[in-house]
């Protein structure tokens, strides 16, 4: 009986992971600032290279407000 419950749980877990991956994806840290904290929708490559907020974040100068 315990083995059947374990197999059932494992199937549920695999199904849940599959569904979750369709909706939730990890954002790479190097673009998280742009993705969540920037008002600009699109940047050119040149704008991205020169972005002061991104450069400061990479240098560790931006810290979350306490």
C-alpha atoms as a PDB file:
ATOM      1  CA  UNK A   1       0.000   0.000   0.000  1.00  0.00           C
ATOM      2  CA  UNK A   2       2.785   2.416   0.935  1.00  0.00           C
ATOM      3  CA  UNK A   3       4.566   1.624  -2.323  1.00  0.00           C
ATOM      4  CA  UNK A   4       1.440   2.484  -4.342  1.00  0.00           C
ATOM      5  CA  UNK A   5       1.134   5.823  -2.526  1.00  0.00           C
ATOM      6  CA  UNK A   6       4.795   6.536  -3.184  1.00  0.00           C
ATOM      7  CA  UNK A   7       4.433   5.833  -6.907  1.00  0.00           C
ATOM      8  CA  UNK A   8       1.302   7.949  -7.049  1.00  0.00           C
ATOM      9  CA  UNK A   9       3.073  10.808  -5.299  1.00  0.00           C
ATOM     10  CA  UNK A  10       6.028  10.572  -7.693  1.00  0.00           C
ATOM     11  CA  UNK A  11       3.676  10.741 -10.699  1.00  0.00           C
ATOM     12  CA  UNK A  12       1.940  13.750  -9.185  1.00  0.00           C
ATOM     13  CA  UNK A  13       5.287  15.423  -8.523  1.00  0.00           C
ATOM     14  CA  UNK A  14       6.486  14.891 -12.125  1.00  0.00           C
ATOM     15  CA  UNK A  15       3.185  16.226 -13.463  1.00  0.00           C
ATOM     16  CA  UNK A  16       3.361  19.258 -11.174  1.00  0.00           C
ATOM     17  CA  UNK A  17       6.935  20.020 -12.262  1.00  0.00           C
ATOM     18  CA  UNK A  18       5.860  19.834 -15.893  1.00  0.00           C
ATOM     19  CA  UNK A  19       2.940  22.222 -15.362  1.00  0.00           C
ATOM     20  CA  UNK A  20       5.041  24.560 -13.225  1.00  0.00           C
ATOM     21  CA  UNK A  21       7.771  24.794 -15.857  1.00  0.00           C
ATOM     22  CA  UNK A  22       5.172  26.000 -18.365  1.00  0.00           C
ATOM     23  CA  UNK A  23       4.336  29.025 -16.189  1.00  0.00           C
ATOM     24  CA  UNK A  24       7.341  29.753 -13.993  1.00  0.00           C
ATOM     25  CA  UNK A  25      10.785  30.219 -15.421  1.00  0.00           C
ATOM     26  CA  UNK A  26      13.941  31.369 -13.736  1.00  0.00           C
ATOM     27  CA  UNK A  27      15.219  34.712 -14.971  1.00  0.00           C
ATOM     28  CA  UNK A  28      19.007  34.849 -15.296  1.00  0.00           C
ATOM     29  CA  UNK A  29      20.459  37.224 -12.711  1.00  0.00           C
ATOM     30  CA  UNK A  30      22.210  39.339 -15.335  1.00  0.00           C
ATOM     31  CA  UNK A  31      18.874  40.388 -16.887  1.00  0.00           C
ATOM     32  CA  UNK A  32      16.639  40.350 -13.788  1.00  0.00           C
ATOM     33  CA  UNK A  33      17.172  44.074 -13.160  1.00  0.00           C
ATOM     34  CA  UNK A  34      16.094  44.877 -16.714  1.00  0.00           C
ATOM     35  CA  UNK A  35      13.198  42.442 -16.629  1.00  0.00           C
ATOM     36  CA  UNK A  36      11.632  43.603 -13.346  1.00  0.00           C
ATOM     37  CA  UNK A  37      12.971  47.029 -12.356  1.00  0.00           C
ATOM     38  CA  UNK A  38      13.141  48.980 -15.602  1.00  0.00           C
ATOM     39  CA  UNK A  39      10.318  51.016 -17.093  1.00  0.00           C
ATOM     40  CA  UNK A  40      11.729  50.759 -20.586  1.00  0.00           C
ATOM     41  CA  UNK A  41      10.190  47.970 -22.661  1.00  0.00           C
ATOM     42  CA  UNK A  42      12.983  47.465 -25.191  1.00  0.00           C
ATOM     43  CA  UNK A  43      16.587  48.604 -25.361  1.00  0.00           C
ATOM     44  CA  UNK A  44      18.980  48.589 -28.239  1.00  0.00           C
ATOM     45  CA  UNK A  45      22.222  46.678 -27.745  1.00  0.00           C
ATOM     46  CA  UNK A  46      24.047  49.985 -27.355  1.00  0.00           C
ATOM     47  CA  UNK A  47      21.593  51.241 -24.696  1.00  0.00           C
ATOM     48  CA  UNK A  48      21.963  47.980 -22.789  1.00  0.00           C
ATOM     49  CA  UNK A  49      25.764  48.201 -22.895  1.00  0.00           C
ATOM     50  CA  UNK A  50      25.692  51.749 -21.500  1.00  0.00           C
ATOM     51  CA  UNK A  51      22.858  51.306 -18.953  1.00  0.00           C
ATOM     52  CA  UNK A  52      24.009  52.919 -15.693  1.00  0.00           C
ATOM     53  CA  UNK A  53      21.608  50.900 -13.503  1.00  0.00           C
ATOM     54  CA  UNK A  54      22.765  47.596 -14.976  1.00  0.00           C
ATOM     55  CA  UNK A  55      26.438  48.571 -14.642  1.00  0.00           C
ATOM     56  CA  UNK A  56      25.939  49.699 -11.026  1.00  0.00           C
ATOM     57  CA  UNK A  57      24.119  46.468 -10.200  1.00  0.00           C
ATOM     58  CA  UNK A  58      26.962  44.433 -11.710  1.00  0.00           C
ATOM     59  CA  UNK A  59      29.434  46.429  -9.613  1.00  0.00           C
ATOM     60  CA  UNK A  60      27.390  45.704  -6.470  1.00  0.00           C
ATOM     61  CA  UNK A  61      26.459  49.350  -5.976  1.00  0.00           C
ATOM     62  CA  UNK A  62      22.683  48.867  -5.966  1.00  0.00           C
ATOM     63  CA  UNK A  63      21.297  47.445  -2.777  1.00  0.00           C
ATOM     64  CA  UNK A  64      17.697  46.683  -1.827  1.00  0.00           C
ATOM     65  CA  UNK A  65      16.033  49.364   0.287  1.00  0.00           C
ATOM     66  CA  UNK A  66      15.987  48.450   3.976  1.00  0.00           C
END
